[in-house]
PDB file of N, CA and C in Angstrom:
ATOM      1  N   UNK A   1       0.837  -1.051   0.014  1.00  0.00           N
ATOM      2  CA  UNK A   1      -0.034   0.045  -0.024  1.00  0.00           C
ATOM      3  C   UNK A   1       0.991   1.278  -0.129  1.00  0.00           C
ATOM      4  N   UNK A   2       0.511   2.133  -0.827  1.00  0.00           N
ATOM      5  CA  UNK A   2       1.261   3.498  -0.810  1.00  0.00           C
ATOM      6  C   UNK A   2       0.423   4.567  -0.426  1.00  0.00           C
ATOM      7  N   UNK A   3       1.019   5.452   0.294  1.00  0.00           N
ATOM      8  CA  UNK A   3       0.375   6.691   1.036  1.00  0.00           C
ATOM      9  C   UNK A   3       1.204   7.732   0.473  1.00  0.00           C
ATOM     10  N   UNK A   4       0.581   8.741  -0.264  1.00  0.00           N
ATOM     11  CA  UNK A   4       1.204   9.878  -0.674  1.00  0.00           C
ATOM     12  C   UNK A   4       1.672  10.812   0.429  1.00  0.00           C
ATOM     13  N   UNK A   5       0.929  10.817   1.567  1.00  0.00           N
ATOM     14  CA  UNK A   5       1.214  11.440   2.790  1.00  0.00           C
ATOM     15  C   UNK A   5       2.105  10.901   3.686  1.00  0.00           C
ATOM     16  N   UNK A   6       2.743   9.789   3.218  1.00  0.00           N
ATOM     17  CA  UNK A   6       3.639   9.045   4.232  1.00  0.00           C
ATOM     18  C   UNK A   6       4.827   9.747   4.687  1.00  0.00           C
ATOM     19  N   UNK A   7       5.371   9.587   5.802  1.00  0.00           N
ATOM     20  CA  UNK A   7       6.570  10.508   5.894  1.00  0.00           C
ATOM     21  C   UNK A   7       7.604   9.401   6.610  1.00  0.00           C
ATOM     22  N   UNK A   8       8.772   9.415   6.163  1.00  0.00           N
ATOM     23  CA  UNK A   8       9.883   8.538   6.914  1.00  0.00           C
ATOM     24  C   UNK A   8       9.917   8.892   8.434  1.00  0.00           C
ATOM     25  N   UNK A   9      10.304   7.752   9.207  1.00  0.00           N
ATOM     26  CA  UNK A   9      10.506   8.184  10.823  1.00  0.00           C
ATOM     27  C   UNK A   9      11.757   9.328  10.833  1.00  0.00           C
ATOM     28  N   UNK A  10      11.576  10.295  11.620  1.00  0.00           N
ATOM     29  CA  UNK A  10      12.289  11.114  11.874  1.00  0.00           C
ATOM     30  C   UNK A  10      12.133  12.602  10.818  1.00  0.00           C
ATOM     31  N   UNK A  11      11.298  12.460   9.931  1.00  0.00           N
ATOM     32  CA  UNK A  11      10.881  13.569   9.377  1.00  0.00           C
ATOM     33  C   UNK A  11      10.337  13.322   7.841  1.00  0.00           C
ATOM     34  N   UNK A  12       9.889  14.426   7.155  1.00  0.00           N
ATOM     35  CA  UNK A  12       9.642  14.187   5.775  1.00  0.00           C
ATOM     36  C   UNK A  12      10.634  13.602   4.780  1.00  0.00           C
ATOM     37  N   UNK A  13      10.069  12.878   3.887  1.00  0.00           N
ATOM     38  CA  UNK A  13      10.870  12.282   2.855  1.00  0.00           C
ATOM     39  C   UNK A  13      11.391  13.342   1.791  1.00  0.00           C
ATOM     40  N   UNK A  14      12.482  13.351   1.247  1.00  0.00           N
ATOM     41  CA  UNK A  14      13.051  14.081   0.086  1.00  0.00           C
ATOM     42  C   UNK A  14      12.455  13.557  -1.079  1.00  0.00           C
ATOM     43  N   UNK A  15      11.815  14.446  -1.766  1.00  0.00           N
ATOM     44  CA  UNK A  15      11.102  13.974  -3.070  1.00  0.00           C
ATOM     45  C   UNK A  15      11.657  14.718  -4.272  1.00  0.00           C
ATOM     46  N   UNK A  16      12.312  13.962  -4.926  1.00  0.00           N
ATOM     47  CA  UNK A  16      12.996  14.716  -6.218  1.00  0.00           C
ATOM     48  C   UNK A  16      11.982  14.876  -7.220  1.00  0.00           C
ATOM     49  N   UNK A  17      12.018  16.006  -8.060  1.00  0.00           N
ATOM     50  CA  UNK A  17      11.128  16.089  -9.254  1.00  0.00           C
ATOM     51  C   UNK A  17      11.232  15.128 -10.314  1.00  0.00           C
ATOM     52  N   UNK A  18      10.364  14.546 -10.686  1.00  0.00           N
ATOM     53  CA  UNK A  18      10.334  13.632 -11.812  1.00  0.00           C
ATOM     54  C   UNK A  18      11.396  13.436 -12.730  1.00  0.00           C
ATOM     55  N   UNK A  19      11.538  14.768 -13.423  1.00  0.00           N
ATOM     56  CA  UNK A  19      12.443  14.679 -14.523  1.00  0.00           C
ATOM     57  C   UNK A  19      14.101  14.490 -14.118  1.00  0.00           C
ATOM     58  N   UNK A  20      14.191  14.767 -12.749  1.00  0.00           N
ATOM     59  CA  UNK A  20      15.626  14.501 -12.055  1.00  0.00           C
ATOM     60  C   UNK A  20      15.877  12.988 -11.772  1.00  0.00           C
ATOM     61  N   UNK A  21      14.971  12.391 -11.550  1.00  0.00           N
ATOM     62  CA  UNK A  21      14.894  10.834 -10.964  1.00  0.00           C
ATOM     63  C   UNK A  21      15.998  10.098 -11.928  1.00  0.00           C
ATOM     64  N   UNK A  22      15.954  10.014 -13.332  1.00  0.00           N
ATOM     65  CA  UNK A  22      16.873   9.237 -14.190  1.00  0.00           C
ATOM     66  C   UNK A  22      18.189   9.835 -14.109  1.00  0.00           C
ATOM     67  N   UNK A  23      18.373  11.112 -13.915  1.00  0.00           N
ATOM     68  CA  UNK A  23      19.676  11.712 -13.719  1.00  0.00           C
ATOM     69  C   UNK A  23      20.498  11.295 -12.353  1.00  0.00           C
ATOM     70  N   UNK A  24      19.604  11.471 -11.336  1.00  0.00           N
ATOM     71  CA  UNK A  24      20.187  11.021 -10.037  1.00  0.00           C
ATOM     72  C   UNK A  24      20.615   9.743  -9.961  1.00  0.00           C
ATOM     73  N   UNK A  25      19.703   8.907 -10.715  1.00  0.00           N
ATOM     74  CA  UNK A  25      19.861   7.381 -10.760  1.00  0.00           C
ATOM     75  C   UNK A  25      21.063   6.959 -11.430  1.00  0.00           C
ATOM     76  N   UNK A  26      21.321   7.820 -12.643  1.00  0.00           N
ATOM     77  CA  UNK A  26      22.511   7.570 -13.385  1.00  0.00           C
ATOM     78  C   UNK A  26      23.722   7.966 -12.666  1.00  0.00           C
ATOM     79  N   UNK A  27      23.616   8.978 -11.885  1.00  0.00           N
ATOM     80  CA  UNK A  27      25.008   9.507 -11.326  1.00  0.00           C
ATOM     81  C   UNK A  27      25.414   8.525 -10.183  1.00  0.00           C
ATOM     82  N   UNK A  28      24.200   8.056  -9.407  1.00  0.00           N
ATOM     83  CA  UNK A  28      24.612   7.161  -8.354  1.00  0.00           C
ATOM     84  C   UNK A  28      24.929   5.917  -8.683  1.00  0.00           C
ATOM     85  N   UNK A  29      24.374   5.133  -9.731  1.00  0.00           N
ATOM     86  CA  UNK A  29      24.581   3.800 -10.034  1.00  0.00           C
ATOM     87  C   UNK A  29      25.979   3.773 -11.002  1.00  0.00           C
ATOM     88  N   UNK A  30      26.205   4.921 -11.722  1.00  0.00           N
ATOM     89  CA  UNK A  30      27.468   4.904 -12.448  1.00  0.00           C
ATOM     90  C   UNK A  30      28.660   5.068 -11.263  1.00  0.00           C
ATOM     91  N   UNK A  31      28.576   5.962 -10.281  1.00  0.00           N
ATOM     92  CA  UNK A  31      29.416   6.234  -9.229  1.00  0.00           C
ATOM     93  C   UNK A  31      29.922   5.058  -8.666  1.00  0.00           C
ATOM     94  N   UNK A  32      28.681   4.210  -8.081  1.00  0.00           N
ATOM     95  CA  UNK A  32      28.816   2.944  -7.327  1.00  0.00           C
ATOM     96  C   UNK A  32      29.662   1.947  -8.048  1.00  0.00           C
ATOM     97  N   UNK A  33      29.125   1.618  -9.310  1.00  0.00           N
ATOM     98  CA  UNK A  33      29.689   0.585 -10.086  1.00  0.00           C
ATOM     99  C   UNK A  33      31.011   0.785 -10.444  1.00  0.00           C
ATOM    100  N   UNK A  34      31.291   2.018 -10.991  1.00  0.00           N
ATOM    101  CA  UNK A  34      32.705   2.459 -11.158  1.00  0.00           C
ATOM    102  C   UNK A  34      33.826   2.512 -10.082  1.00  0.00           C
ATOM    103  N   UNK A  35      33.222   2.698  -8.930  1.00  0.00           N
ATOM    104  CA  UNK A  35      33.844   2.681  -7.635  1.00  0.00           C
ATOM    105  C   UNK A  35      34.468   1.155  -7.482  1.00  0.00           C
ATOM    106  N   UNK A  36      33.350   0.586  -7.318  1.00  0.00           N
ATOM    107  CA  UNK A  36      33.835  -1.054  -6.943  1.00  0.00           C
ATOM    108  C   UNK A  36      34.652  -1.549  -8.219  1.00  0.00           C
ATOM    109  N   UNK A  37      34.356  -1.516  -9.502  1.00  0.00           N
ATOM    110  CA  UNK A  37      35.138  -2.029 -10.371  1.00  0.00           C
ATOM    111  C   UNK A  37      36.308  -1.726 -10.530  1.00  0.00           C
ATOM    112  N   UNK A  38      36.684  -0.275 -10.520  1.00  0.00           N
ATOM    113  CA  UNK A  38      38.000   0.442 -10.599  1.00  0.00           C
ATOM    114  C   UNK A  38      38.865  -0.187  -9.229  1.00  0.00           C
ATOM    115  N   UNK A  39      38.081  -0.236  -8.169  1.00  0.00           N
ATOM    116  CA  UNK A  39      38.849  -0.725  -6.904  1.00  0.00           C
ATOM    117  C   UNK A  39      39.447  -2.164  -7.140  1.00  0.00           C
ATOM    118  N   UNK A  40      38.531  -2.906  -7.676  1.00  0.00           N
ATOM    119  CA  UNK A  40      39.139  -4.454  -7.835  1.00  0.00           C
ATOM    120  C   UNK A  40      40.122  -4.563  -8.927  1.00  0.00           C
ATOM    121  N   UNK A  41      39.864  -3.806 -10.063  1.00  0.00           N
ATOM    122  CA  UNK A  41      40.692  -4.119 -11.111  1.00  0.00           C
ATOM    123  C   UNK A  41      42.366  -3.344 -10.812  1.00  0.00           C
ATOM    124  N   UNK A  42      42.061  -2.019 -10.094  1.00  0.00           N
ATOM    125  CA  UNK A  42      43.424  -1.437  -9.681  1.00  0.00           C
ATOM    126  C   UNK A  42      44.146  -2.312  -8.495  1.00  0.00           C
ATOM    127  N   UNK A  43      43.348  -3.070  -7.808  1.00  0.00           N
ATOM    128  CA  UNK A  43      43.864  -3.858  -6.739  1.00  0.00           C
ATOM    129  C   UNK A  43      44.639  -5.060  -7.555  1.00  0.00           C
ATOM    130  N   UNK A  44      43.950  -5.586  -8.540  1.00  0.00           N
ATOM    131  CA  UNK A  44      44.519  -6.880  -8.992  1.00  0.00           C
ATOM    132  C   UNK A  44      45.819  -6.407  -9.794  1.00  0.00           C
ATOM    133  N   UNK A  45      45.639  -5.330 -10.467  1.00  0.00           N
ATOM    134  CA  UNK A  45      46.764  -4.962 -11.531  1.00  0.00           C
ATOM    135  C   UNK A  45      47.971  -4.265 -10.865  1.00  0.00           C
ATOM    136  N   UNK A  46      47.752  -3.471  -9.602  1.00  0.00           N
ATOM    137  CA  UNK A  46      48.864  -2.812  -9.125  1.00  0.00           C
ATOM    138  C   UNK A  46      49.265  -3.111  -7.706  1.00  0.00           C
ATOM    139  N   UNK A  47      48.283  -4.004  -7.166  1.00  0.00           N
ATOM    140  CA  UNK A  47      48.740  -4.504  -5.724  1.00  0.00           C
ATOM    141  C   UNK A  47      48.072  -3.543  -4.517  1.00  0.00           C
ATOM    142  N   UNK A  48      48.184  -4.155  -3.487  1.00  0.00           N
ATOM    143  CA  UNK A  48      47.720  -3.157  -2.248  1.00  0.00           C
ATOM    144  C   UNK A  48      49.234  -2.602  -1.586  1.00  0.00           C
ATOM    145  N   UNK A  49      49.344  -1.458  -1.627  1.00  0.00           N
ATOM    146  CA  UNK A  49      50.365  -0.732  -0.875  1.00  0.00           C
ATOM    147  C   UNK A  49      49.965   0.643  -0.536  1.00  0.00           C
ATOM    148  N   UNK A  50      50.912   1.508  -0.317  1.00  0.00           N
ATOM    149  CA  UNK A  50      50.528   2.942   0.312  1.00  0.00           C
ATOM    150  C   UNK A  50      49.977   3.726  -0.827  1.00  0.00           C
ATOM    151  N   UNK A  51      50.455   3.449  -2.028  1.00  0.00           N
ATOM    152  CA  UNK A  51      49.680   4.246  -3.069  1.00  0.00           C
ATOM    153  C   UNK A  51      48.434   3.833  -3.755  1.00  0.00           C
ATOM    154  N   UNK A  52      48.040   2.638  -3.302  1.00  0.00           N
ATOM    155  CA  UNK A  52      46.802   2.205  -3.794  1.00  0.00           C
ATOM    156  C   UNK A  52      45.556   3.115  -3.819  1.00  0.00           C
ATOM    157  N   UNK A  53      45.363   3.713  -2.657  1.00  0.00           N
ATOM    158  CA  UNK A  53      44.246   4.652  -2.591  1.00  0.00           C
ATOM    159  C   UNK A  53      44.208   5.760  -3.454  1.00  0.00           C
ATOM    160  N   UNK A  54      45.336   6.499  -3.813  1.00  0.00           N
ATOM    161  CA  UNK A  54      45.551   7.431  -4.817  1.00  0.00           C
ATOM    162  C   UNK A  54      45.314   6.953  -6.137  1.00  0.00           C
ATOM    163  N   UNK A  55      45.946   5.858  -6.476  1.00  0.00           N
ATOM    164  CA  UNK A  55      45.815   5.324  -7.914  1.00  0.00           C
ATOM    165  C   UNK A  55      44.493   5.007  -8.166  1.00  0.00           C
ATOM    166  N   UNK A  56      43.598   4.244  -7.057  1.00  0.00           N
ATOM    167  CA  UNK A  56      42.281   3.921  -7.277  1.00  0.00           C
ATOM    168  C   UNK A  56      41.332   5.392  -7.500  1.00  0.00           C
ATOM    169  N   UNK A  57      41.699   6.270  -6.583  1.00  0.00           N
ATOM    170  CA  UNK A  57      40.964   7.553  -6.829  1.00  0.00           C
ATOM    171  C   UNK A  57      41.070   8.171  -8.140  1.00  0.00           C
ATOM    172  N   UNK A  58      42.385   8.293  -8.635  1.00  0.00           N
ATOM    173  CA  UNK A  58      42.644   8.567  -9.872  1.00  0.00           C
ATOM    174  C   UNK A  58      41.772   7.869 -11.129  1.00  0.00           C
ATOM    175  N   UNK A  59      41.971   6.503 -11.079  1.00  0.00           N
ATOM    176  CA  UNK A  59      41.280   5.727 -11.863  1.00  0.00           C
ATOM    177  C   UNK A  59      39.776   5.838 -11.867  1.00  0.00           C
ATOM    178  N   UNK A  60      39.193   5.942 -10.639  1.00  0.00           N
ATOM    179  CA  UNK A  60      37.857   5.895 -10.480  1.00  0.00           C
ATOM    180  C   UNK A  60      37.356   7.299 -10.987  1.00  0.00           C
ATOM    181  N   UNK A  61      37.959   8.371 -10.900  1.00  0.00           N
ATOM    182  CA  UNK A  61      37.493   9.631 -11.285  1.00  0.00           C
ATOM    183  C   UNK A  61      37.280   9.495 -12.819  1.00  0.00           C
ATOM    184  N   UNK A  62      38.321   8.987 -13.355  1.00  0.00           N
ATOM    185  CA  UNK A  62      38.328   8.813 -14.880  1.00  0.00           C
ATOM    186  C   UNK A  62      37.236   8.070 -15.443  1.00  0.00           C
ATOM    187  N   UNK A  63      37.036   6.809 -14.687  1.00  0.00           N
ATOM    188  CA  UNK A  63      35.987   6.096 -14.935  1.00  0.00           C
ATOM    189  C   UNK A  63      34.541   6.535 -14.796  1.00  0.00           C
ATOM    190  N   UNK A  64      34.406   7.408 -13.600  1.00  0.00           N
ATOM    191  CA  UNK A  64      33.107   7.864 -13.339  1.00  0.00           C
ATOM    192  C   UNK A  64      32.662   9.100 -14.230  1.00  0.00           C
ATOM    193  N   UNK A  65      33.697   9.784 -14.893  1.00  0.00           N
ATOM    194  CA  UNK A  65      33.383  10.646 -15.678  1.00  0.00           C
ATOM    195  C   UNK A  65      32.977  10.110 -17.183  1.00  0.00           C
ATOM    196  N   UNK A  66      33.451   8.833 -17.379  1.00  0.00           N
ATOM    197  CA  UNK A  66      33.105   8.177 -18.660  1.00  0.00           C
ATOM    198  C   UNK A  66      31.747   7.442 -18.399  1.00  0.00           C
ATOM    199  N   UNK A  67      31.565   6.887 -17.274  1.00  0.00           N
ATOM    200  CA  UNK A  67      30.471   6.013 -17.042  1.00  0.00           C
ATOM    201  C   UNK A  67      29.218   6.945 -16.857  1.00  0.00           C
ATOM    202  N   UNK A  68      29.067   8.167 -16.171  1.00  0.00           N
ATOM    203  CA  UNK A  68      27.968   8.813 -15.931  1.00  0.00           C
ATOM    204  C   UNK A  68      27.175   9.400 -17.273  1.00  0.00           C
ATOM    205  N   UNK A  69      27.938   9.853 -18.080  1.00  0.00           N
ATOM    206  CA  UNK A  69      27.155  10.196 -19.253  1.00  0.00           C
ATOM    207  C   UNK A  69      26.551   9.190 -20.261  1.00  0.00           C
ATOM    208  N   UNK A  70      27.318   7.931 -20.081  1.00  0.00           N
ATOM    209  CA  UNK A  70      26.840   6.813 -20.895  1.00  0.00           C
ATOM    210  C   UNK A  70      25.776   6.176 -20.252  1.00  0.00           C
ATOM    211  N   UNK A  71      25.629   5.812 -18.704  1.00  0.00           N
ATOM    212  CA  UNK A  71      24.299   5.644 -18.125  1.00  0.00           C
ATOM    213  C   UNK A  71      23.234   6.559 -18.331  1.00  0.00           C
ATOM    214  N   UNK A  72      23.570   7.842 -18.138  1.00  0.00           N
ATOM    215  CA  UNK A  72      22.436   8.672 -18.318  1.00  0.00           C
ATOM    216  C   UNK A  72      22.025   8.753 -19.763  1.00  0.00           C
ATOM    217  N   UNK A  73      22.829   8.381 -20.789  1.00  0.00           N
ATOM    218  CA  UNK A  73      22.125   8.323 -22.309  1.00  0.00           C
ATOM    219  C   UNK A  73      21.526   7.047 -22.547  1.00  0.00           C
ATOM    220  N   UNK A  74      22.278   5.920 -22.083  1.00  0.00           N
ATOM    221  CA  UNK A  74      21.773   4.721 -22.556  1.00  0.00           C
ATOM    222  C   UNK A  74      20.835   3.955 -21.708  1.00  0.00           C
ATOM    223  N   UNK A  75      20.837   4.538 -20.279  1.00  0.00           N
ATOM    224  CA  UNK A  75      19.893   3.969 -19.169  1.00  0.00           C
ATOM    225  C   UNK A  75      18.379   3.872 -19.711  1.00  0.00           C
ATOM    226  N   UNK A  76      17.910   5.249 -20.149  1.00  0.00           N
ATOM    227  CA  UNK A  76      16.606   5.186 -20.484  1.00  0.00           C
ATOM    228  C   UNK A  76      16.214   4.183 -21.731  1.00  0.00           C
ATOM    229  N   UNK A  77      17.150   4.315 -22.828  1.00  0.00           N
ATOM    230  CA  UNK A  77      16.899   3.423 -24.032  1.00  0.00           C
ATOM    231  C   UNK A  77      16.953   1.830 -23.640  1.00  0.00           C
ATOM    232  N   UNK A  78      17.716   1.488 -22.689  1.00  0.00           N
ATOM    233  CA  UNK A  78      17.802   0.109 -22.178  1.00  0.00           C
ATOM    234  C   UNK A  78      16.562  -0.214 -21.477  1.00  0.00           C
ATOM    235  N   UNK A  79      16.108   0.700 -20.759  1.00  0.00           N
ATOM    236  CA  UNK A  79      14.958   0.346 -19.765  1.00  0.00           C
ATOM    237  C   UNK A  79      13.622   0.312 -20.807  1.00  0.00           C
ATOM    238  N   UNK A  80      13.524   1.056 -21.902  1.00  0.00           N
ATOM    239  CA  UNK A  80      12.447   0.944 -22.742  1.00  0.00           C
ATOM    240  C   UNK A  80      12.634  -0.385 -23.525  1.00  0.00           C
ATOM    241  N   UNK A  81      13.974  -0.735 -23.861  1.00  0.00           N
ATOM    242  CA  UNK A  81      13.974  -2.086 -24.656  1.00  0.00           C
ATOM    243  C   UNK A  81      13.559  -3.305 -23.572  1.00  0.00           C
ATOM    244  N   UNK A  82      14.066  -3.210 -22.463  1.00  0.00           N
ATOM    245  CA  UNK A  82      13.685  -4.319 -21.407  1.00  0.00           C
ATOM    246  C   UNK A  82      12.141  -4.242 -21.230  1.00  0.00           C
ATOM    247  N   UNK A  83      11.688  -3.186 -21.029  1.00  0.00           N
ATOM    248  CA  UNK A  83      10.168  -2.998 -20.675  1.00  0.00           C
ATOM    249  C   UNK A  83       9.444  -3.672 -21.763  1.00  0.00           C
ATOM    250  N   UNK A  84       9.796  -3.863 -22.966  1.00  0.00           N
ATOM    251  CA  UNK A  84       9.147  -4.489 -24.065  1.00  0.00           C
ATOM    252  C   UNK A  84       8.846  -6.040 -23.597  1.00  0.00           C
ATOM    253  N   UNK A  85       9.783  -6.609 -22.735  1.00  0.00           N
ATOM    254  CA  UNK A  85       9.672  -8.011 -22.487  1.00  0.00           C
ATOM    255  C   UNK A  85       8.990  -8.155 -21.274  1.00  0.00           C
ATOM    256  N   UNK A  86       8.565  -7.218 -20.465  1.00  0.00           N
ATOM    257  CA  UNK A  86       7.988  -7.190 -19.235  1.00  0.00           C
ATOM    258  C   UNK A  86       6.561  -7.530 -19.205  1.00  0.00           C
ATOM    259  N   UNK A  87       5.997  -7.850 -18.285  1.00  0.00           N
ATOM    260  CA  UNK A  87       4.538  -8.295 -18.143  1.00  0.00           C
ATOM    261  C   UNK A  87       3.558  -7.077 -18.341  1.00  0.00           C
TER     262      UNK A  87
END
């Protein structure tokens, strides 16, 4: 059951304007996935030492700036494609 007047414990919920939802989703998912993938790949290829966090940060920033526009552009198109197969 959904209630439009529902508030989260501790105060009102933050509501994004509908047009911003896909952009915020793309920003968050691209950041999270690129953070995890670059962390693993950097670790495997360069090892864990004192310079690892800075190498990871450098690679992650590059990956995120690439991933975000790609997810923002292709995400809605992929969703429409997948929706064709839904119930």
